[in-house]
Amino acid sequence: MLNGVMLLWFILTAVSVIFVAVDIRNTPESKVLKWGFILLTAYTGPFGAFLYALGCREPLPGLHERYVKILWRQVLGSTMHCVAGDGVGILAGAVLGSVLSLSMVADISLEYVLGFGFGWTIFQALFMKDTAGGSYGKALYNTFIPELVSMNCLMAAMVPVSAIAKANVPGSESPLSPAFWFIMSMALLCGFIAAYPMNWWLVSNHLKHGMMTVRPKEGSEGGANASAGTGEGGMNMDKPSSFEIVKVTVLSFIILTVGIAIALIFT
């Protein structure tokens, strides 16, 4: 039965990725978030396509700015951006961990380091450095804590889901097995759900950007105008105190520890 479920999942995922990749070309969203939605859909199949259609796809011409300004859609963009970037590193770590036959703790550590490293230095800081005035160093500084706490919540759900599932599905430890990729898809989907509340706090407190709108400048072929409900402008608004940020950071590590503990206990 599992084989049938996986086959259906992979078919739906392929269709969903094609739909998003084709349709999003007409959506006035930033390029990095467009790629983010394509990656998210590759990870989460029809769920990613549903989130794109409901949360980002322009309902009528000229309405994207108002459509994505709603807080839950801003948070959707923030969470998607996190999962899309981190997911690349996490999947690379999972494949390497399997090839190298690493222990569970070593495998988790590798996935965390690669996921956080790629998500923070590439998908967050490098691709979004324009929100920091074009400075990569400043972008690294601005995005470190938001990426850290979001990643912790993502991994807190991913680790037990993937570890427990792999322990109970024969052959799923190998990247050559369809079960490996199906389990990682389910784990990333659970990670997205777990990271959403943390991203709500981050966006609400102007520590992270949300969905954006990018339109060509009038009378210009190459330029573009960008706007966001809590994007570039929101990042400069009043932010929580350092003490509040420390509390939330500690909380994120507690959540991560609980997730890892569950994985160790039940495998």
C-alpha atoms as a PDB file:
ATOM      1  CA  MET A   1       0.000   0.000   0.000  1.00  0.00           C
ATOM      2  CA  LEU A   2       2.842   2.369   0.848  1.00  0.00           C
ATOM      3  CA  ASN A   3       4.252   1.942  -2.646  1.00  0.00           C
ATOM      4  CA  GLY A   4       0.934   3.034  -4.138  1.00  0.00           C
ATOM      5  CA  VAL A   5       0.751   6.044  -1.847  1.00  0.00           C
ATOM      6  CA  MET A   6       4.298   7.063  -2.776  1.00  0.00           C
ATOM      7  CA  LEU A   7       3.618   6.663  -6.494  1.00  0.00           C
ATOM      8  CA  LEU A   8       0.548   8.883  -6.229  1.00  0.00           C
ATOM      9  CA  TRP A   9       2.527  11.401  -4.168  1.00  0.00           C
ATOM     10  CA  PHE A  10       5.347  11.640  -6.700  1.00  0.00           C
ATOM     11  CA  ILE A  11       2.893  12.037  -9.587  1.00  0.00           C
ATOM     12  CA  LEU A  12       1.009  14.798  -7.766  1.00  0.00           C
ATOM     13  CA  THR A  13       4.308  16.446  -6.855  1.00  0.00           C
ATOM     14  CA  ALA A  14       5.482  16.469 -10.474  1.00  0.00           C
ATOM     15  CA  VAL A  15       2.208  17.990 -11.641  1.00  0.00           C
ATOM     16  CA  SER A  16       2.294  20.545  -8.808  1.00  0.00           C
ATOM     17  CA  VAL A  17       5.869  21.634  -9.567  1.00  0.00           C
ATOM     18  CA  ILE A  18       5.061  22.082 -13.263  1.00  0.00           C
ATOM     19  CA  PHE A  19       1.979  24.148 -12.405  1.00  0.00           C
ATOM     20  CA  VAL A  20       3.828  26.431  -9.989  1.00  0.00           C
ATOM     21  CA  ALA A  21       6.916  26.804 -12.203  1.00  0.00           C
ATOM     22  CA  VAL A  22       4.791  27.846 -15.181  1.00  0.00           C
ATOM     23  CA  ASP A  23       2.182  29.931 -13.391  1.00  0.00           C
ATOM     24  CA  ILE A  24       4.495  31.854 -11.067  1.00  0.00           C
ATOM     25  CA  ARG A  25       6.198  33.525 -14.030  1.00  0.00           C
ATOM     26  CA  ASN A  26       3.169  35.835 -14.227  1.00  0.00           C
ATOM     27  CA  THR A  27       3.087  36.547 -10.500  1.00  0.00           C
ATOM     28  CA  PRO A  28       4.689  39.897  -9.520  1.00  0.00           C
ATOM     29  CA  GLU A  29       6.780  38.343  -6.750  1.00  0.00           C
ATOM     30  CA  SER A  30      10.518  38.675  -6.085  1.00  0.00           C
ATOM     31  CA  LYS A  31      12.700  36.223  -7.983  1.00  0.00           C
ATOM     32  CA  VAL A  32      14.056  34.520  -4.856  1.00  0.00           C
ATOM     33  CA  LEU A  33      10.565  33.913  -3.491  1.00  0.00           C
ATOM     34  CA  LYS A  34       9.464  32.547  -6.847  1.00  0.00           C
ATOM     35  CA  TRP A  35      12.248  29.995  -6.676  1.00  0.00           C
ATOM     36  CA  GLY A  36      11.327  29.438  -3.050  1.00  0.00           C
ATOM     37  CA  PHE A  37       7.792  28.404  -3.956  1.00  0.00           C
ATOM     38  CA  ILE A  38       9.067  26.070  -6.660  1.00  0.00           C
ATOM     39  CA  LEU A  39      11.411  24.418  -4.153  1.00  0.00           C
ATOM     40  CA  LEU A  40       8.719  24.245  -1.480  1.00  0.00           C
ATOM     41  CA  THR A  41       6.395  22.545  -3.959  1.00  0.00           C
ATOM     42  CA  ALA A  42       9.137  20.072  -4.886  1.00  0.00           C
ATOM     43  CA  TYR A  43       9.410  19.254  -1.161  1.00  0.00           C
ATOM     44  CA  THR A  44       5.734  19.229  -0.235  1.00  0.00           C
ATOM     45  CA  GLY A  45       3.945  18.411  -3.485  1.00  0.00           C
ATOM     46  CA  PRO A  46       0.298  19.494  -3.786  1.00  0.00           C
ATOM     47  CA  PHE A  47       0.466  21.217  -0.407  1.00  0.00           C
ATOM     48  CA  GLY A  48       3.095  23.616  -1.763  1.00  0.00           C
ATOM     49  CA  ALA A  49       1.003  24.287  -4.872  1.00  0.00           C
ATOM     50  CA  PHE A  50      -2.049  24.933  -2.685  1.00  0.00           C
ATOM     51  CA  LEU A  51      -0.120  27.384  -0.510  1.00  0.00           C
ATOM     52  CA  TYR A  52       1.174  29.203  -3.595  1.00  0.00           C
ATOM     53  CA  ALA A  53      -2.311  29.476  -5.116  1.00  0.00           C
ATOM     54  CA  LEU A  54      -3.899  30.609  -1.861  1.00  0.00           C
ATOM     55  CA  GLY A  55      -1.117  32.782  -0.497  1.00  0.00           C
ATOM     56  CA  CYS A  56       0.833  34.352  -3.340  1.00  0.00           C
ATOM     57  CA  ARG A  57      -0.851  33.953  -6.749  1.00  0.00           C
ATOM     58  CA  GLU A  58      -2.294  37.298  -7.858  1.00  0.00           C
ATOM     59  CA  PRO A  59      -6.117  36.914  -7.888  1.00  0.00           C
ATOM     60  CA  LEU A  60      -6.667  39.784 -10.334  1.00  0.00           C
ATOM     61  CA  PRO A  61      -4.230  42.116 -12.130  1.00  0.00           C
ATOM     62  CA  GLY A  62      -2.995  44.899  -9.861  1.00  0.00           C
ATOM     63  CA  LEU A  63      -4.139  43.320  -6.588  1.00  0.00           C
ATOM     64  CA  HIS A  64      -0.970  41.521  -5.490  1.00  0.00           C
ATOM     65  CA  GLU A  65       0.205  44.272  -3.141  1.00  0.00           C
ATOM     66  CA  ARG A  66      -3.056  44.275  -1.175  1.00  0.00           C
ATOM     67  CA  TYR A  67      -3.499  40.514  -1.456  1.00  0.00           C
ATOM     68  CA  VAL A  68      -0.175  39.596   0.185  1.00  0.00           C
ATOM     69  CA  LYS A  69      -0.285  42.389   2.777  1.00  0.00           C
ATOM     70  CA  ILE A  70      -2.421  40.261   5.112  1.00  0.00           C
ATOM     71  CA  LEU A  71      -0.275  39.023   7.991  1.00  0.00           C
ATOM     72  CA  TRP A  72      -0.826  35.285   7.521  1.00  0.00           C
ATOM     73  CA  ARG A  73       0.308  35.572   3.889  1.00  0.00           C
ATOM     74  CA  GLN A  74       3.348  37.576   4.962  1.00  0.00           C
ATOM     75  CA  VAL A  75       4.176  34.796   7.427  1.00  0.00           C
ATOM     76  CA  LEU A  76       3.609  32.196   4.719  1.00  0.00           C
ATOM     77  CA  GLY A  77       6.230  33.916   2.556  1.00  0.00           C
ATOM     78  CA  SER A  78       8.649  34.099   5.472  1.00  0.00           C
ATOM     79  CA  THR A  79       8.231  30.431   6.406  1.00  0.00           C
ATOM     80  CA  MET A  80       8.416  29.302   2.800  1.00  0.00           C
ATOM     81  CA  HIS A  81      11.657  31.238   2.335  1.00  0.00           C
ATOM     82  CA  CYS A  82      13.131  29.498   5.381  1.00  0.00           C
ATOM     83  CA  VAL A  83      12.060  25.976   4.428  1.00  0.00           C
ATOM     84  CA  ALA A  84      13.035  26.367   0.762  1.00  0.00           C
ATOM     85  CA  GLY A  85      16.594  27.449   1.538  1.00  0.00           C
ATOM     86  CA  ASP A  86      17.211  25.248   4.571  1.00  0.00           C
ATOM     87  CA  GLY A  87      15.672  22.277   2.795  1.00  0.00           C
ATOM     88  CA  VAL A  88      18.406  22.232   0.146  1.00  0.00           C
ATOM     89  CA  GLY A  89      21.118  21.884   2.790  1.00  0.00           C
ATOM     90  CA  ILE A  90      19.091  19.461   4.911  1.00  0.00           C
ATOM     91  CA  LEU A  91      18.485  17.121   1.981  1.00  0.00           C
ATOM     92  CA  ALA A  92      22.155  17.301   1.001  1.00  0.00           C
ATOM     93  CA  GLY A  93      23.064  16.425   4.587  1.00  0.00           C
ATOM     94  CA  ALA A  94      20.597  13.527   4.660  1.00  0.00           C
ATOM     95  CA  VAL A  95      22.072  12.083   1.459  1.00  0.00           C
ATOM     96  CA  LEU A  96      25.655  12.494   2.678  1.00  0.00           C
ATOM     97  CA  GLY A  97      24.767  11.050   6.074  1.00  0.00           C
ATOM     98  CA  SER A  98      23.324   7.973   4.412  1.00  0.00           C
ATOM     99  CA  VAL A  99      26.270   7.510   2.045  1.00  0.00           C
ATOM    100  CA  LEU A 100      28.742   7.890   4.923  1.00  0.00           C
ATOM    101  CA  SER A 101      26.650   5.645   7.239  1.00  0.00           C
ATOM    102  CA  LEU A 102      26.721   8.255   9.989  1.00  0.00           C
ATOM    103  CA  SER A 103      25.129   7.706  13.379  1.00  0.00           C
ATOM    104  CA  MET A 104      21.796   9.408  14.039  1.00  0.00           C
ATOM    105  CA  VAL A 105      23.372  12.208  16.085  1.00  0.00           C
ATOM    106  CA  ALA A 106      26.084  12.823  13.479  1.00  0.00           C
ATOM    107  CA  ASP A 107      23.483  12.745  10.704  1.00  0.00           C
ATOM    108  CA  ILE A 108      21.269  15.255  12.506  1.00  0.00           C
ATOM    109  CA  SER A 109      24.277  17.506  13.125  1.00  0.00           C
ATOM    110  CA  LEU A 110      25.307  17.407   9.462  1.00  0.00           C
ATOM    111  CA  GLU A 111      21.780  18.175   8.276  1.00  0.00           C
ATOM    112  CA  TYR A 112      21.557  21.072  10.732  1.00  0.00           C
ATOM    113  CA  VAL A 113      24.917  22.598   9.766  1.00  0.00           C
ATOM    114  CA  LEU A 114      24.331  22.322   6.020  1.00  0.00           C
ATOM    115  CA  GLY A 115      20.702  23.412   6.263  1.00  0.00           C
ATOM    116  CA  PHE A 116      21.457  26.430   8.408  1.00  0.00           C
ATOM    117  CA  GLY A 117      24.595  27.283   6.453  1.00  0.00           C
ATOM    118  CA  PHE A 118      22.886  27.289   3.059  1.00  0.00           C
ATOM    119  CA  GLY A 119      19.689  28.886   4.299  1.00  0.00           C
ATOM    120  CA  TRP A 120      21.467  31.691   6.155  1.00  0.00           C
ATOM    121  CA  THR A 121      24.429  32.545   3.921  1.00  0.00           C
ATOM    122  CA  ILE A 122      22.787  31.971   0.532  1.00  0.00           C
ATOM    123  CA  PHE A 123      19.003  32.012   0.555  1.00  0.00           C
ATOM    124  CA  GLN A 124      18.600  34.640   3.264  1.00  0.00           C
ATOM    125  CA  ALA A 125      21.649  36.924   3.285  1.00  0.00           C
ATOM    126  CA  LEU A 126      22.979  36.697  -0.273  1.00  0.00           C
ATOM    127  CA  PHE A 127      19.702  36.610  -2.172  1.00  0.00           C
ATOM    128  CA  MET A 128      18.108  39.263   0.045  1.00  0.00           C
ATOM    129  CA  LYS A 129      21.062  41.603   0.543  1.00  0.00           C
ATOM    130  CA  ASP A 130      19.195  44.412  -1.241  1.00  0.00           C
ATOM    131  CA  THR A 131      16.963  44.666   1.830  1.00  0.00           C
ATOM    132  CA  ALA A 132      20.142  45.532   3.779  1.00  0.00           C
ATOM    133  CA  GLY A 133      21.228  48.269   1.401  1.00  0.00           C
ATOM    134  CA  GLY A 134      23.253  45.906  -0.763  1.00  0.00           C
ATOM    135  CA  SER A 135      25.656  44.970   2.035  1.00  0.00           C
ATOM    136  CA  TYR A 136      26.213  41.215   2.349  1.00  0.00           C
ATOM    137  CA  GLY A 137      27.840  41.596   5.765  1.00  0.00           C
ATOM    138  CA  LYS A 138      24.889  43.566   7.103  1.00  0.00           C
ATOM    139  CA  ALA A 139      22.494  41.045   5.585  1.00  0.00           C
ATOM    140  CA  LEU A 140      24.330  38.226   7.383  1.00  0.00           C
ATOM    141  CA  TYR A 141      24.023  40.116  10.660  1.00  0.00           C
ATOM    142  CA  ASN A 142      20.338  40.983  10.179  1.00  0.00           C
ATOM    143  CA  THR A 143      19.277  37.475   9.209  1.00  0.00           C
ATOM    144  CA  PHE A 144      21.304  35.382  11.678  1.00  0.00           C
ATOM    145  CA  ILE A 145      18.830  35.242  14.587  1.00  0.00           C
ATOM    146  CA  PRO A 146      15.682  34.988  12.437  1.00  0.00           C
ATOM    147  CA  GLU A 147      17.219  32.138  10.448  1.00  0.00           C
ATOM    148  CA  LEU A 148      18.495  30.428  13.615  1.00  0.00           C
ATOM    149  CA  VAL A 149      15.211  30.323  15.527  1.00  0.00           C
ATOM    150  CA  SER A 150      13.199  29.383  12.444  1.00  0.00           C
ATOM    151  CA  MET A 151      15.657  26.605  11.586  1.00  0.00           C
ATOM    152  CA  ASN A 152      15.448  25.247  15.125  1.00  0.00           C
ATOM    153  CA  CYS A 153      11.682  24.876  14.894  1.00  0.00           C
ATOM    154  CA  LEU A 154      11.920  23.371  11.411  1.00  0.00           C
ATOM    155  CA  MET A 155      14.412  20.740  12.563  1.00  0.00           C
ATOM    156  CA  ALA A 156      12.482  20.080  15.783  1.00  0.00           C
ATOM    157  CA  ALA A 157       9.674  18.577  13.708  1.00  0.00           C
ATOM    158  CA  MET A 158      11.763  17.150  10.881  1.00  0.00           C
ATOM    159  CA  VAL A 159      14.120  15.109  13.030  1.00  0.00           C
ATOM    160  CA  PRO A 160      11.579  12.900  14.844  1.00  0.00           C
ATOM    161  CA  VAL A 161       9.392  12.455  11.752  1.00  0.00           C
ATOM    162  CA  SER A 162      12.264  11.359   9.507  1.00  0.00           C
ATOM    163  CA  ALA A 163      14.037   9.288  12.172  1.00  0.00           C
ATOM    164  CA  ILE A 164      10.961   7.374  13.326  1.00  0.00           C
ATOM    165  CA  ALA A 165       9.708   6.808   9.771  1.00  0.00           C
ATOM    166  CA  LYS A 166      13.083   5.549   8.538  1.00  0.00           C
ATOM    167  CA  ALA A 167      13.330   3.212  11.515  1.00  0.00           C
ATOM    168  CA  ASN A 168      10.011   1.613  10.586  1.00  0.00           C
ATOM    169  CA  VAL A 169      10.179   1.530   6.771  1.00  0.00           C
ATOM    170  CA  PRO A 170      12.671  -1.045   5.450  1.00  0.00           C
ATOM    171  CA  GLY A 171      15.166   0.310   2.920  1.00  0.00           C
ATOM    172  CA  SER A 172      14.260   3.942   3.520  1.00  0.00           C
ATOM    173  CA  GLU A 173      17.758   4.830   4.735  1.00  0.00           C
ATOM    174  CA  SER A 174      19.106   4.791   1.178  1.00  0.00           C
ATOM    175  CA  PRO A 175      18.743   7.827  -1.130  1.00  0.00           C
ATOM    176  CA  LEU A 176      18.233   5.299  -3.941  1.00  0.00           C
ATOM    177  CA  SER A 177      14.939   4.281  -2.359  1.00  0.00           C
ATOM    178  CA  PRO A 178      11.724   6.211  -3.194  1.00  0.00           C
ATOM    179  CA  ALA A 179      10.775   5.798   0.470  1.00  0.00           C
ATOM    180  CA  PHE A 180      13.765   7.972   1.468  1.00  0.00           C
ATOM    181  CA  TRP A 181      12.475  10.918  -0.570  1.00  0.00           C
ATOM    182  CA  PHE A 182       8.869  10.378   0.459  1.00  0.00           C
ATOM    183  CA  ILE A 183       9.841  10.428   4.141  1.00  0.00           C
ATOM    184  CA  MET A 184      11.975  13.541   3.698  1.00  0.00           C
ATOM    185  CA  SER A 185       9.035  15.236   1.943  1.00  0.00           C
ATOM    186  CA  MET A 186       6.747  14.427   4.878  1.00  0.00           C
ATOM    187  CA  ALA A 187       9.414  15.603   7.321  1.00  0.00           C
ATOM    188  CA  LEU A 188       9.847  18.926   5.502  1.00  0.00           C
ATOM    189  CA  LEU A 189       6.086  19.404   5.424  1.00  0.00           C
ATOM    190  CA  CYS A 190       5.922  18.854   9.195  1.00  0.00           C
ATOM    191  CA  GLY A 191       8.902  21.176   9.602  1.00  0.00           C
ATOM    192  CA  PHE A 192       7.080  23.893   7.660  1.00  0.00           C
ATOM    193  CA  ILE A 193       4.069  23.607   9.973  1.00  0.00           C
ATOM    194  CA  ALA A 194       6.294  23.723  13.071  1.00  0.00           C
ATOM    195  CA  ALA A 195       8.242  26.765  11.826  1.00  0.00           C
ATOM    196  CA  TYR A 196       5.141  28.790  10.939  1.00  0.00           C
ATOM    197  CA  PRO A 197       4.369  30.063  14.509  1.00  0.00           C
ATOM    198  CA  MET A 198       7.971  31.195  14.993  1.00  0.00           C
ATOM    199  CA  ASN A 199       7.882  33.029  11.673  1.00  0.00           C
ATOM    200  CA  TRP A 200       4.639  34.683  12.761  1.00  0.00           C
ATOM    201  CA  TRP A 201       6.518  36.132  15.736  1.00  0.00           C
ATOM    202  CA  LEU A 202       9.466  37.151  13.546  1.00  0.00           C
ATOM    203  CA  VAL A 203       7.337  38.922  10.938  1.00  0.00           C
ATOM    204  CA  SER A 204       5.058  40.521  13.550  1.00  0.00           C
ATOM    205  CA  ASN A 205       8.124  41.937  15.289  1.00  0.00           C
ATOM    206  CA  HIS A 206       9.760  43.137  12.050  1.00  0.00           C
ATOM    207  CA  LEU A 207      12.705  40.764  12.317  1.00  0.00           C
ATOM    208  CA  LYS A 208      11.984  39.067   9.022  1.00  0.00           C
ATOM    209  CA  HIS A 209      10.442  40.017   5.686  1.00  0.00           C
ATOM    210  CA  GLY A 210       7.280  38.444   4.364  1.00  0.00           C
ATOM    211  CA  MET A 211       5.757  38.215   0.913  1.00  0.00           C
ATOM    212  CA  MET A 212       6.818  40.885  -1.579  1.00  0.00           C
ATOM    213  CA  THR A 213       5.580  42.474  -4.792  1.00  0.00           C
ATOM    214  CA  VAL A 214       7.975  43.272  -7.629  1.00  0.00           C
ATOM    215  CA  ARG A 215       6.729  45.054 -10.743  1.00  0.00           C
ATOM    216  CA  PRO A 216       8.666  46.499 -13.712  1.00  0.00           C
ATOM    217  CA  LYS A 217       9.285  50.230 -13.453  1.00  0.00           C
ATOM    218  CA  GLU A 218       7.141  52.296 -15.736  1.00  0.00           C
ATOM    219  CA  GLY A 219       9.093  53.297 -18.820  1.00  0.00           C
ATOM    220  CA  SER A 220      11.994  50.989 -17.923  1.00  0.00           C
ATOM    221  CA  GLU A 221      12.808  47.655 -19.507  1.00  0.00           C
ATOM    222  CA  GLY A 222      15.296  46.397 -16.951  1.00  0.00           C
ATOM    223  CA  GLY A 223      14.361  48.023 -13.653  1.00  0.00           C
ATOM    224  CA  ALA A 224      11.744  46.999 -11.143  1.00  0.00           C
ATOM    225  CA  ASN A 225       9.820  48.414  -8.213  1.00  0.00           C
ATOM    226  CA  ALA A 226       9.566  46.285  -5.085  1.00  0.00           C
ATOM    227  CA  SER A 227       7.157  46.615  -2.203  1.00  0.00           C
ATOM    228  CA  ALA A 228       6.102  44.489   0.731  1.00  0.00           C
ATOM    229  CA  GLY A 229       3.743  44.701   3.656  1.00  0.00           C
ATOM    230  CA  THR A 230       6.492  43.924   6.117  1.00  0.00           C
ATOM    231  CA  GLY A 231       9.429  43.669   3.769  1.00  0.00           C
ATOM    232  CA  GLU A 232      12.207  46.195   3.324  1.00  0.00           C
ATOM    233  CA  GLY A 233      10.391  48.944   5.150  1.00  0.00           C
ATOM    234  CA  GLY A 234       9.214  46.651   7.925  1.00  0.00           C
ATOM    235  CA  MET A 235      12.755  45.576   8.738  1.00  0.00           C
ATOM    236  CA  ASN A 236      13.506  49.104   9.929  1.00  0.00           C
ATOM    237  CA  MET A 237      10.541  49.391  12.314  1.00  0.00           C
ATOM    238  CA  ASP A 238      10.721  49.000  16.068  1.00  0.00           C
ATOM    239  CA  LYS A 239      11.993  45.571  17.047  1.00  0.00           C
ATOM    240  CA  PRO A 240      11.740  43.618  20.308  1.00  0.00           C
ATOM    241  CA  SER A 241      14.320  44.142  23.028  1.00  0.00           C
ATOM    242  CA  SER A 242      17.501  42.093  23.153  1.00  0.00           C
ATOM    243  CA  PHE A 243      16.133  40.280  26.197  1.00  0.00           C
ATOM    244  CA  GLU A 244      13.005  39.226  24.316  1.00  0.00           C
ATOM    245  CA  ILE A 245      15.104  38.002  21.415  1.00  0.00           C
ATOM    246  CA  VAL A 246      17.302  35.979  23.782  1.00  0.00           C
ATOM    247  CA  LYS A 247      14.217  34.416  25.395  1.00  0.00           C
ATOM    248  CA  VAL A 248      12.799  33.372  22.042  1.00  0.00           C
ATOM    249  CA  THR A 249      16.187  32.035  20.927  1.00  0.00           C
ATOM    250  CA  VAL A 250      16.478  29.915  24.079  1.00  0.00           C
ATOM    251  CA  LEU A 251      12.912  28.702  23.574  1.00  0.00           C
ATOM    252  CA  SER A 252      13.754  27.633  20.008  1.00  0.00           C
ATOM    253  CA  PHE A 253      16.678  25.538  21.269  1.00  0.00           C
ATOM    254  CA  ILE A 254      14.430  23.934  23.903  1.00  0.00           C
ATOM    255  CA  ILE A 255      11.945  23.036  21.145  1.00  0.00           C
ATOM    256  CA  LEU A 256      14.796  21.600  19.053  1.00  0.00           C
ATOM    257  CA  THR A 257      16.070  19.579  22.023  1.00  0.00           C
ATOM    258  CA  VAL A 258      12.606  18.111  22.608  1.00  0.00           C
ATOM    259  CA  GLY A 259      12.360  17.100  18.948  1.00  0.00           C
ATOM    260  CA  ILE A 260      15.756  15.383  19.008  1.00  0.00           C
ATOM    261  CA  ALA A 261      14.905  13.665  22.303  1.00  0.00           C
ATOM    262  CA  ILE A 262      11.693  12.255  20.811  1.00  0.00           C
ATOM    263  CA  ALA A 263      13.685  10.901  17.855  1.00  0.00           C
ATOM    264  CA  LEU A 264      16.241   9.240  20.149  1.00  0.00           C
ATOM    265  CA  ILE A 265      13.616   7.735  22.463  1.00  0.00           C
ATOM    266  CA  PHE A 266      11.404   6.242  19.757  1.00  0.00           C
ATOM    267  CA  THR A 267      14.055   4.825  17.429  1.00  0.00           C
END
